[in-house]
Amino acid sequence: MIKLPIITDCSAKTCAFNHDGCAAPATTMGADGCATFIQLDVKGGVQDATAQVGTCQRTDCAHNDHLECSAGQVEVGADGAQCLTFTAA
Protein backbone atom coordinates (compact mmCIF):
# COMPACT_ATOMS: atom_id res chain seq x y z
CA MET A 1 0.00 0.00 0.00
CA ILE A 2 1.23 3.49 -0.86
CA LYS A 3 2.05 5.80 2.02
CA LEU A 4 -0.08 8.89 1.40
CA PRO A 5 0.76 12.28 2.92
CA ILE A 6 -1.41 13.16 5.91
CA ILE A 7 -3.33 16.39 6.33
CA THR A 8 -1.94 17.82 9.55
CA ASP A 9 -4.13 20.92 9.63
CA CYS A 10 -7.22 22.24 7.86
CA SER A 11 -8.54 25.72 8.53
CA ALA A 12 -11.57 25.34 6.22
CA LYS A 13 -14.05 25.26 9.13
CA THR A 14 -17.12 25.40 6.84
CA CYS A 15 -16.18 22.14 5.12
CA ALA A 16 -18.50 19.22 5.91
CA PHE A 17 -15.42 17.00 6.36
CA ASN A 18 -13.84 19.26 8.99
CA HIS A 19 -14.36 17.94 12.55
CA ASP A 20 -11.62 19.95 14.31
CA GLY A 21 -9.42 18.63 11.51
CA CYS A 22 -10.02 16.84 8.23
CA ALA A 23 -12.10 13.65 8.50
CA ALA A 24 -12.16 12.76 4.79
CA PRO A 25 -10.50 9.37 4.31
CA ALA A 26 -8.74 10.59 1.15
CA THR A 27 -8.75 14.03 -0.44
CA THR A 28 -7.99 15.42 -3.86
CA MET A 29 -6.02 18.62 -4.15
CA GLY A 30 -7.37 20.43 -7.19
CA ALA A 31 -6.07 23.35 -9.20
CA ASP A 32 -8.28 25.74 -7.19
CA GLY A 33 -7.81 24.21 -3.74
CA CYS A 34 -9.03 21.11 -1.98
CA ALA A 35 -11.45 19.48 -4.45
CA THR A 36 -12.94 17.40 -1.61
CA PHE A 37 -14.12 20.60 0.14
CA ILE A 38 -17.91 20.78 0.35
CA GLN A 39 -20.18 23.10 2.32
CA LEU A 40 -23.18 21.23 3.75
CA ASP A 41 -25.12 21.20 7.01
CA VAL A 42 -24.35 17.48 7.31
CA LYS A 43 -20.94 16.38 8.60
CA GLY A 44 -19.17 13.67 6.61
CA GLY A 45 -16.12 11.49 6.87
CA VAL A 46 -14.80 9.40 9.70
CA GLN A 47 -14.19 11.13 13.03
CA ASP A 48 -10.75 10.53 14.52
CA ALA A 49 -9.53 9.39 11.09
CA THR A 50 -6.18 10.38 9.66
CA ALA A 51 -7.00 12.31 6.51
CA GLN A 52 -4.66 11.77 3.59
CA VAL A 53 -4.09 13.29 0.15
CA GLY A 54 -4.98 10.68 -2.45
CA THR A 55 -4.35 12.68 -5.63
CA CYS A 56 -3.08 16.08 -6.67
CA GLN A 57 -4.10 17.98 -9.78
CA ARG A 58 -1.53 20.76 -9.28
CA THR A 59 0.96 19.79 -11.98
CA ASP A 60 2.86 23.03 -11.27
CA CYS A 61 3.70 21.89 -7.71
CA ALA A 62 7.17 20.59 -6.83
CA HIS A 63 5.54 17.87 -4.67
CA ASN A 64 3.47 16.48 -7.58
CA ASP A 65 4.84 13.16 -8.77
CA HIS A 66 2.63 11.64 -11.49
CA LEU A 67 -0.47 13.27 -9.93
CA GLU A 68 0.38 12.00 -6.45
CA CYS A 69 1.56 14.22 -3.62
CA SER A 70 5.09 13.46 -2.45
CA ALA A 71 5.08 15.92 0.48
CA GLY A 72 5.44 14.35 3.91
CA GLN A 73 2.41 16.23 5.19
CA VAL A 74 -0.10 18.78 3.92
CA GLU A 75 -1.79 21.82 5.44
CA VAL A 76 -5.01 23.27 4.04
CA GLY A 77 -5.94 26.93 4.55
CA ALA A 78 -9.32 28.49 5.14
CA ASP A 79 -9.43 30.80 2.12
CA GLY A 80 -10.73 28.60 -0.69
CA ALA A 81 -9.33 25.50 1.06
CA GLN A 82 -5.95 26.17 -0.58
CA CYS A 83 -3.07 23.75 -0.18
CA LEU A 84 -0.59 25.66 1.99
CA THR A 85 2.11 23.06 1.27
CA PHE A 86 2.14 24.02 -2.44
CA THR A 87 5.61 24.86 -3.73
CA ALA A 88 6.03 26.04 -7.32
CA ALA A 89 7.97 23.58 -9.49
PDB file of N, CA and C in Angstrom:
ATOM      1  N   MET A   1       0.840  -1.180   0.000  1.00  0.00           N
ATOM      2  CA  MET A   1       0.000   0.000   0.000  1.00  0.00           C
ATOM      3  C   MET A   1       0.882   1.239   0.000  1.00  0.00           C
ATOM      4  N   ILE A   2       0.494   2.236  -0.762  1.00  0.00           N
ATOM      5  CA  ILE A   2       1.234   3.490  -0.860  1.00  0.00           C
ATOM      6  C   ILE A   2       1.067   4.269   0.432  1.00  0.00           C
ATOM      7  N   LYS A   3       2.134   4.922   0.862  1.00  0.00           N
ATOM      8  CA  LYS A   3       2.047   5.802   2.021  1.00  0.00           C
ATOM      9  C   LYS A   3       1.646   7.187   1.514  1.00  0.00           C
ATOM     10  N   LEU A   4       0.437   7.596   1.846  1.00  0.00           N
ATOM     11  CA  LEU A   4      -0.082   8.887   1.396  1.00  0.00           C
ATOM     12  C   LEU A   4       0.247   9.962   2.431  1.00  0.00           C
ATOM     13  N   PRO A   5       0.494  11.204   1.973  1.00  0.00           N
ATOM     14  CA  PRO A   5       0.760  12.280   2.920  1.00  0.00           C
ATOM     15  C   PRO A   5      -0.483  12.595   3.759  1.00  0.00           C
ATOM     16  N   ILE A   6      -0.284  12.846   5.031  1.00  0.00           N
ATOM     17  CA  ILE A   6      -1.410  13.160   5.908  1.00  0.00           C
ATOM     18  C   ILE A   6      -1.696  14.660   5.894  1.00  0.00           C
ATOM     19  N   ILE A   7      -2.939  14.993   6.177  1.00  0.00           N
ATOM     20  CA  ILE A   7      -3.329  16.395   6.326  1.00  0.00           C
ATOM     21  C   ILE A   7      -3.212  16.718   7.809  1.00  0.00           C
ATOM     22  N   THR A   8      -2.213  17.521   8.139  1.00  0.00           N
ATOM     23  CA  THR A   8      -1.942  17.823   9.548  1.00  0.00           C
ATOM     24  C   THR A   8      -2.803  18.957  10.081  1.00  0.00           C
ATOM     25  N   ASP A   9      -3.314  19.795   9.181  1.00  0.00           N
ATOM     26  CA  ASP A   9      -4.132  20.919   9.628  1.00  0.00           C
ATOM     27  C   ASP A   9      -5.037  21.366   8.491  1.00  0.00           C
ATOM     28  N   CYS A  10      -6.286  21.675   8.828  1.00  0.00           N
ATOM     29  CA  CYS A  10      -7.219  22.244   7.859  1.00  0.00           C
ATOM     30  C   CYS A  10      -7.984  23.363   8.538  1.00  0.00           C
ATOM     31  N   SER A  11      -7.864  24.543   7.981  1.00  0.00           N
ATOM     32  CA  SER A  11      -8.539  25.724   8.528  1.00  0.00           C
ATOM     33  C   SER A  11      -9.873  26.007   7.855  1.00  0.00           C
ATOM     34  N   ALA A  12     -10.296  25.156   6.931  1.00  0.00           N
ATOM     35  CA  ALA A  12     -11.570  25.343   6.223  1.00  0.00           C
ATOM     36  C   ALA A  12     -12.704  24.851   7.120  1.00  0.00           C
ATOM     37  N   LYS A  13     -13.077  25.653   8.097  1.00  0.00           N
ATOM     38  CA  LYS A  13     -14.048  25.258   9.127  1.00  0.00           C
ATOM     39  C   LYS A  13     -15.451  25.033   8.578  1.00  0.00           C
ATOM     40  N   THR A  14     -15.781  25.585   7.405  1.00  0.00           N
ATOM     41  CA  THR A  14     -17.118  25.401   6.839  1.00  0.00           C
ATOM     42  C   THR A  14     -17.230  24.122   6.013  1.00  0.00           C
ATOM     43  N   CYS A  15     -16.150  23.383   5.895  1.00  0.00           N
ATOM     44  CA  CYS A  15     -16.179  22.138   5.122  1.00  0.00           C
ATOM     45  C   CYS A  15     -16.897  21.046   5.917  1.00  0.00           C
ATOM     46  N   ALA A  16     -17.750  20.296   5.252  1.00  0.00           N
ATOM     47  CA  ALA A  16     -18.498  19.222   5.906  1.00  0.00           C
ATOM     48  C   ALA A  16     -17.587  18.103   6.415  1.00  0.00           C
ATOM     49  N   PHE A  17     -16.361  18.020   5.906  1.00  0.00           N
ATOM     50  CA  PHE A  17     -15.420  16.999   6.364  1.00  0.00           C
ATOM     51  C   PHE A  17     -14.536  17.475   7.514  1.00  0.00           C
ATOM     52  N   ASN A  18     -14.694  18.733   7.935  1.00  0.00           N
ATOM     53  CA  ASN A  18     -13.841  19.263   8.993  1.00  0.00           C
ATOM     54  C   ASN A  18     -14.499  19.069  10.355  1.00  0.00           C
ATOM     55  N   HIS A  19     -13.921  18.200  11.169  1.00  0.00           N
ATOM     56  CA  HIS A  19     -14.357  17.941  12.546  1.00  0.00           C
ATOM     57  C   HIS A  19     -13.169  18.272  13.445  1.00  0.00           C
ATOM     58  N   ASP A  20     -12.855  19.547  13.616  1.00  0.00           N
ATOM     59  CA  ASP A  20     -11.623  19.953  14.315  1.00  0.00           C
ATOM     60  C   ASP A  20     -10.415  19.310  13.642  1.00  0.00           C
ATOM     61  N   GLY A  21     -10.435  19.253  12.344  1.00  0.00           N
ATOM     62  CA  GLY A  21      -9.421  18.630  11.507  1.00  0.00           C
ATOM     63  C   GLY A  21     -10.128  17.846  10.416  1.00  0.00           C
ATOM     64  N   CYS A  22      -9.415  17.524   9.367  1.00  0.00           N
ATOM     65  CA  CYS A  22     -10.023  16.840   8.234  1.00  0.00           C
ATOM     66  C   CYS A  22     -10.386  15.401   8.579  1.00  0.00           C
ATOM     67  N   ALA A  23     -11.619  15.009   8.247  1.00  0.00           N
ATOM     68  CA  ALA A  23     -12.103  13.653   8.501  1.00  0.00           C
ATOM     69  C   ALA A  23     -12.389  12.902   7.203  1.00  0.00           C
ATOM     70  N   ALA A  24     -11.982  13.461   6.069  1.00  0.00           N
ATOM     71  CA  ALA A  24     -12.158  12.760   4.794  1.00  0.00           C
ATOM     72  C   ALA A  24     -11.101  11.664   4.707  1.00  0.00           C
ATOM     73  N   PRO A  25     -11.482  10.446   4.361  1.00  0.00           N
ATOM     74  CA  PRO A  25     -10.505   9.365   4.314  1.00  0.00           C
ATOM     75  C   PRO A  25      -9.401   9.592   3.281  1.00  0.00           C
ATOM     76  N   ALA A  26      -9.733  10.239   2.168  1.00  0.00           N
ATOM     77  CA  ALA A  26      -8.741  10.590   1.152  1.00  0.00           C
ATOM     78  C   ALA A  26      -9.244  11.842   0.443  1.00  0.00           C
ATOM     79  N   THR A  27      -8.365  12.774   0.209  1.00  0.00           N
ATOM     80  CA  THR A  27      -8.749  14.027  -0.437  1.00  0.00           C
ATOM     81  C   THR A  27      -8.059  14.155  -1.791  1.00  0.00           C
ATOM     82  N   THR A  28      -8.604  15.042  -2.592  1.00  0.00           N
ATOM     83  CA  THR A  28      -7.990  15.416  -3.859  1.00  0.00           C
ATOM     84  C   THR A  28      -7.653  16.890  -3.785  1.00  0.00           C
ATOM     85  N   MET A  29      -6.409  17.231  -4.063  1.00  0.00           N
ATOM     86  CA  MET A  29      -6.015  18.624  -4.150  1.00  0.00           C
ATOM     87  C   MET A  29      -6.171  19.041  -5.603  1.00  0.00           C
ATOM     88  N   GLY A  30      -7.091  19.971  -5.835  1.00  0.00           N
ATOM     89  CA  GLY A  30      -7.371  20.431  -7.188  1.00  0.00           C
ATOM     90  C   GLY A  30      -6.611  21.691  -7.526  1.00  0.00           C
ATOM     91  N   ALA A  31      -6.757  22.142  -8.735  1.00  0.00           N
ATOM     92  CA  ALA A  31      -6.075  23.349  -9.199  1.00  0.00           C
ATOM     93  C   ALA A  31      -6.521  24.588  -8.428  1.00  0.00           C
ATOM     94  N   ASP A  32      -7.757  24.581  -7.913  1.00  0.00           N
ATOM     95  CA  ASP A  32      -8.285  25.744  -7.194  1.00  0.00           C
ATOM     96  C   ASP A  32      -8.406  25.513  -5.692  1.00  0.00           C
ATOM     97  N   GLY A  33      -7.735  24.505  -5.161  1.00  0.00           N
ATOM     98  CA  GLY A  33      -7.807  24.206  -3.738  1.00  0.00           C
ATOM     99  C   GLY A  33      -8.239  22.771  -3.521  1.00  0.00           C
ATOM    100  N   CYS A  34      -8.633  22.470  -2.309  1.00  0.00           N
ATOM    101  CA  CYS A  34      -9.034  21.106  -1.981  1.00  0.00           C
ATOM    102  C   CYS A  34     -10.333  20.776  -2.714  1.00  0.00           C
ATOM    103  N   ALA A  35     -10.272  19.844  -3.647  1.00  0.00           N
ATOM    104  CA  ALA A  35     -11.448  19.483  -4.450  1.00  0.00           C
ATOM    105  C   ALA A  35     -12.444  18.648  -3.654  1.00  0.00           C
ATOM    106  N   THR A  36     -12.051  18.169  -2.472  1.00  0.00           N
ATOM    107  CA  THR A  36     -12.940  17.398  -1.612  1.00  0.00           C
ATOM    108  C   THR A  36     -13.782  18.328  -0.740  1.00  0.00           C
ATOM    109  N   PHE A  37     -13.392  19.596  -0.644  1.00  0.00           N
ATOM    110  CA  PHE A  37     -14.122  20.600   0.141  1.00  0.00           C
ATOM    111  C   PHE A  37     -15.576  20.687  -0.315  1.00  0.00           C
ATOM    112  N   ILE A  38     -16.484  20.642   0.644  1.00  0.00           N
ATOM    113  CA  ILE A  38     -17.906  20.784   0.352  1.00  0.00           C
ATOM    114  C   ILE A  38     -18.593  21.440   1.550  1.00  0.00           C
ATOM    115  N   GLN A  39     -19.444  22.404   1.274  1.00  0.00           N
ATOM    116  CA  GLN A  39     -20.182  23.100   2.322  1.00  0.00           C
ATOM    117  C   GLN A  39     -21.581  22.524   2.419  1.00  0.00           C
ATOM    118  N   LEU A  40     -21.856  21.807   3.497  1.00  0.00           N
ATOM    119  CA  LEU A  40     -23.176  21.229   3.750  1.00  0.00           C
ATOM    120  C   LEU A  40     -23.480  21.340   5.238  1.00  0.00           C
ATOM    121  N   ASP A  41     -24.747  21.221   5.597  1.00  0.00           N
ATOM    122  CA  ASP A  41     -25.124  21.198   7.008  1.00  0.00           C
ATOM    123  C   ASP A  41     -24.807  19.853   7.650  1.00  0.00           C
ATOM    124  N   VAL A  42     -24.643  18.830   6.833  1.00  0.00           N
ATOM    125  CA  VAL A  42     -24.354  17.481   7.311  1.00  0.00           C
ATOM    126  C   VAL A  42     -22.842  17.310   7.404  1.00  0.00           C
ATOM    127  N   LYS A  43     -22.364  16.673   8.470  1.00  0.00           N
ATOM    128  CA  LYS A  43     -20.936  16.379   8.597  1.00  0.00           C
ATOM    129  C   LYS A  43     -20.659  15.031   7.964  1.00  0.00           C
ATOM    130  N   GLY A  44     -19.537  14.914   7.274  1.00  0.00           N
ATOM    131  CA  GLY A  44     -19.172  13.671   6.612  1.00  0.00           C
ATOM    132  C   GLY A  44     -17.817  13.180   7.068  1.00  0.00           C
ATOM    133  N   GLY A  45     -17.421  12.049   6.556  1.00  0.00           N
ATOM    134  CA  GLY A  45     -16.115  11.492   6.873  1.00  0.00           C
ATOM    135  C   GLY A  45     -16.144  10.617   8.107  1.00  0.00           C
ATOM    136  N   VAL A  46     -14.962  10.280   8.552  1.00  0.00           N
ATOM    137  CA  VAL A  46     -14.799   9.397   9.703  1.00  0.00           C
ATOM    138  C   VAL A  46     -14.107  10.180  10.809  1.00  0.00           C
ATOM    139  N   GLN A  47     -14.807  10.395  11.917  1.00  0.00           N
ATOM    140  CA  GLN A  47     -14.191  11.127  13.031  1.00  0.00           C
ATOM    141  C   GLN A  47     -13.000  10.349  13.554  1.00  0.00           C
ATOM    142  N   ASP A  48     -12.007  11.074  14.002  1.00  0.00           N
ATOM    143  CA  ASP A  48     -10.751  10.526  14.521  1.00  0.00           C
ATOM    144  C   ASP A  48      -9.961   9.771  13.455  1.00  0.00           C
ATOM    145  N   ALA A  49     -10.281  10.009  12.188  1.00  0.00           N
ATOM    146  CA  ALA A  49      -9.535   9.388  11.091  1.00  0.00           C
ATOM    147  C   ALA A  49      -8.322  10.238  10.766  1.00  0.00           C
ATOM    148  N   THR A  50      -7.327   9.642  10.157  1.00  0.00           N
ATOM    149  CA  THR A  50      -6.176  10.380   9.663  1.00  0.00           C
ATOM    150  C   THR A  50      -6.436  10.665   8.194  1.00  0.00           C
ATOM    151  N   ALA A  51      -6.718  11.921   7.889  1.00  0.00           N
ATOM    152  CA  ALA A  51      -6.999  12.309   6.508  1.00  0.00           C
ATOM    153  C   ALA A  51      -5.708  12.303   5.701  1.00  0.00           C
ATOM    154  N   GLN A  52      -5.821  11.856   4.459  1.00  0.00           N
ATOM    155  CA  GLN A  52      -4.664  11.767   3.588  1.00  0.00           C
ATOM    156  C   GLN A  52      -4.979  12.360   2.224  1.00  0.00           C
ATOM    157  N   VAL A  53      -3.936  12.776   1.517  1.00  0.00           N
ATOM    158  CA  VAL A  53      -4.093  13.287   0.154  1.00  0.00           C
ATOM    159  C   VAL A  53      -3.933  12.113  -0.794  1.00  0.00           C
ATOM    160  N   GLY A  54      -5.007  11.793  -1.515  1.00  0.00           N
ATOM    161  CA  GLY A  54      -4.975  10.682  -2.454  1.00  0.00           C
ATOM    162  C   GLY A  54      -4.404  11.081  -3.796  1.00  0.00           C
ATOM    163  N   THR A  55      -4.844  12.212  -4.331  1.00  0.00           N
ATOM    164  CA  THR A  55      -4.353  12.685  -5.629  1.00  0.00           C
ATOM    165  C   THR A  55      -4.138  14.186  -5.595  1.00  0.00           C
ATOM    166  N   CYS A  56      -3.348  14.652  -6.541  1.00  0.00           N
ATOM    167  CA  CYS A  56      -3.081  16.083  -6.665  1.00  0.00           C
ATOM    168  C   CYS A  56      -3.145  16.480  -8.130  1.00  0.00           C
ATOM    169  N   GLN A  57      -3.948  17.488  -8.412  1.00  0.00           N
ATOM    170  CA  GLN A  57      -4.096  17.977  -9.781  1.00  0.00           C
ATOM    171  C   GLN A  57      -3.207  19.181 -10.077  1.00  0.00           C
ATOM    172  N   ARG A  58      -2.408  19.607  -9.087  1.00  0.00           N
ATOM    173  CA  ARG A  58      -1.527  20.761  -9.284  1.00  0.00           C
ATOM    174  C   ARG A  58      -0.229  20.317  -9.936  1.00  0.00           C
ATOM    175  N   THR A  59      -0.231  20.246 -11.256  1.00  0.00           N
ATOM    176  CA  THR A  59       0.957  19.788 -11.978  1.00  0.00           C
ATOM    177  C   THR A  59       2.104  20.787 -11.881  1.00  0.00           C
ATOM    178  N   ASP A  60       1.821  22.013 -11.428  1.00  0.00           N
ATOM    179  CA  ASP A  60       2.862  23.025 -11.270  1.00  0.00           C
ATOM    180  C   ASP A  60       3.476  23.013  -9.874  1.00  0.00           C
ATOM    181  N   CYS A  61       3.178  21.993  -9.069  1.00  0.00           N
ATOM    182  CA  CYS A  61       3.704  21.892  -7.711  1.00  0.00           C
ATOM    183  C   CYS A  61       4.929  20.980  -7.691  1.00  0.00           C
ATOM    184  N   ALA A  62       5.941  21.374  -6.949  1.00  0.00           N
ATOM    185  CA  ALA A  62       7.170  20.590  -6.832  1.00  0.00           C
ATOM    186  C   ALA A  62       6.923  19.241  -6.156  1.00  0.00           C
ATOM    187  N   HIS A  63       5.848  19.119  -5.373  1.00  0.00           N
ATOM    188  CA  HIS A  63       5.538  17.869  -4.670  1.00  0.00           C
ATOM    189  C   HIS A  63       4.714  16.903  -5.526  1.00  0.00           C
ATOM    190  N   ASN A  64       4.296  17.324  -6.717  1.00  0.00           N
ATOM    191  CA  ASN A  64       3.467  16.480  -7.576  1.00  0.00           C
ATOM    192  C   ASN A  64       4.336  15.500  -8.345  1.00  0.00           C
ATOM    193  N   ASP A  65       4.118  14.221  -8.089  1.00  0.00           N
ATOM    194  CA  ASP A  65       4.844  13.160  -8.775  1.00  0.00           C
ATOM    195  C   ASP A  65       3.830  12.240  -9.440  1.00  0.00           C
ATOM    196  N   HIS A  66       3.600  12.430 -10.729  1.00  0.00           N
ATOM    197  CA  HIS A  66       2.626  11.642 -11.487  1.00  0.00           C
ATOM    198  C   HIS A  66       1.229  11.725 -10.872  1.00  0.00           C
ATOM    199  N   LEU A  67       0.830  12.946 -10.503  1.00  0.00           N
ATOM    200  CA  LEU A  67      -0.474  13.273  -9.933  1.00  0.00           C
ATOM    201  C   LEU A  67      -0.667  12.735  -8.515  1.00  0.00           C
ATOM    202  N   GLU A  68       0.415  12.384  -7.851  1.00  0.00           N
ATOM    203  CA  GLU A  68       0.381  11.999  -6.447  1.00  0.00           C
ATOM    204  C   GLU A  68       1.243  12.974  -5.666  1.00  0.00           C
ATOM    205  N   CYS A  69       0.822  13.287  -4.464  1.00  0.00           N
ATOM    206  CA  CYS A  69       1.560  14.222  -3.623  1.00  0.00           C
ATOM    207  C   CYS A  69       2.717  13.492  -2.944  1.00  0.00           C
ATOM    208  N   SER A  70       3.918  14.063  -3.059  1.00  0.00           N
ATOM    209  CA  SER A  70       5.093  13.457  -2.449  1.00  0.00           C
ATOM    210  C   SER A  70       5.535  14.203  -1.188  1.00  0.00           C
ATOM    211  N   ALA A  71       4.758  15.195  -0.765  1.00  0.00           N
ATOM    212  CA  ALA A  71       5.084  15.917   0.480  1.00  0.00           C
ATOM    213  C   ALA A  71       4.863  14.984   1.662  1.00  0.00           C
ATOM    214  N   GLY A  72       5.596  15.177   2.721  1.00  0.00           N
ATOM    215  CA  GLY A  72       5.443  14.352   3.905  1.00  0.00           C
ATOM    216  C   GLY A  72       4.135  14.602   4.626  1.00  0.00           C
ATOM    217  N   GLN A  73       3.675  15.845   4.576  1.00  0.00           N
ATOM    218  CA  GLN A  73       2.411  16.231   5.192  1.00  0.00           C
ATOM    219  C   GLN A  73       1.864  17.442   4.456  1.00  0.00           C
ATOM    220  N   VAL A  74       0.572  17.705   4.643  1.00  0.00           N
ATOM    221  CA  VAL A  74      -0.098  18.781   3.922  1.00  0.00           C
ATOM    222  C   VAL A  74      -0.928  19.603   4.897  1.00  0.00           C
ATOM    223  N   GLU A  75      -0.926  20.914   4.687  1.00  0.00           N
ATOM    224  CA  GLU A  75      -1.787  21.821   5.440  1.00  0.00           C
ATOM    225  C   GLU A  75      -2.732  22.499   4.460  1.00  0.00           C
ATOM    226  N   VAL A  76      -3.992  22.646   4.876  1.00  0.00           N
ATOM    227  CA  VAL A  76      -5.013  23.272   4.041  1.00  0.00           C
ATOM    228  C   VAL A  76      -5.477  24.545   4.736  1.00  0.00           C
ATOM    229  N   GLY A  77      -5.533  25.643   3.990  1.00  0.00           N
ATOM    230  CA  GLY A  77      -5.940  26.925   4.547  1.00  0.00           C
ATOM    231  C   GLY A  77      -7.424  27.189   4.393  1.00  0.00           C
ATOM    232  N   ALA A  78      -7.899  28.166   5.127  1.00  0.00           N
ATOM    233  CA  ALA A  78      -9.322  28.490   5.139  1.00  0.00           C
ATOM    234  C   ALA A  78      -9.796  29.143   3.848  1.00  0.00           C
ATOM    235  N   ASP A  79      -9.012  30.030   3.289  1.00  0.00           N
ATOM    236  CA  ASP A  79      -9.434  30.798   2.120  1.00  0.00           C
ATOM    237  C   ASP A  79      -9.433  29.932   0.878  1.00  0.00           C
ATOM    238  N   GLY A  80     -10.602  29.445   0.499  1.00  0.00           N
ATOM    239  CA  GLY A  80     -10.727  28.603  -0.685  1.00  0.00           C
ATOM    240  C   GLY A  80     -10.163  27.214  -0.502  1.00  0.00           C
ATOM    241  N   ALA A  81      -9.894  26.821   0.747  1.00  0.00           N
ATOM    242  CA  ALA A  81      -9.325  25.496   1.064  1.00  0.00           C
ATOM    243  C   ALA A  81      -8.057  25.246   0.254  1.00  0.00           C
ATOM    244  N   GLN A  82      -7.188  26.256   0.186  1.00  0.00           N
ATOM    245  CA  GLN A  82      -5.951  26.166  -0.582  1.00  0.00           C
ATOM    246  C   GLN A  82      -4.937  25.263   0.093  1.00  0.00           C
ATOM    247  N   CYS A  83      -4.150  24.571  -0.699  1.00  0.00           N
ATOM    248  CA  CYS A  83      -3.067  23.746  -0.176  1.00  0.00           C
ATOM    249  C   CYS A  83      -1.920  24.680   0.215  1.00  0.00           C
ATOM    250  N   LEU A  84      -1.653  24.783   1.505  1.00  0.00           N
ATOM    251  CA  LEU A  84      -0.594  25.661   1.990  1.00  0.00           C
ATOM    252  C   LEU A  84       0.791  25.037   1.842  1.00  0.00           C
ATOM    253  N   THR A  85       0.844  23.767   1.471  1.00  0.00           N
ATOM    254  CA  THR A  85       2.105  23.061   1.266  1.00  0.00           C
ATOM    255  C   THR A  85       2.609  23.235  -0.173  1.00  0.00           C
ATOM    256  N   PHE A  86       1.773  23.799  -1.039  1.00  0.00           N
ATOM    257  CA  PHE A  86       2.139  24.019  -2.443  1.00  0.00           C
ATOM    258  C   PHE A  86       3.469  24.752  -2.552  1.00  0.00           C
ATOM    259  N   THR A  87       4.341  24.228  -3.403  1.00  0.00           N
ATOM    260  CA  THR A  87       5.610  24.859  -3.728  1.00  0.00           C
ATOM    261  C   THR A  87       5.733  24.823  -5.243  1.00  0.00           C
ATOM    262  N   ALA A  88       5.948  25.984  -5.852  1.00  0.00           N
ATOM    263  CA  ALA A  88       6.035  26.041  -7.319  1.00  0.00           C
ATOM    264  C   ALA A  88       7.199  25.191  -7.822  1.00  0.00           C
ATOM    265  N   ALA A  89       6.925  24.452  -8.893  1.00  0.00           N
ATOM    266  CA  ALA A  89       7.971  23.584  -9.491  1.00  0.00           C
ATOM    267  C   ALA A  89       8.960  24.423 -10.259  1.00  0.00           C
TER     268      ALA A  89
END
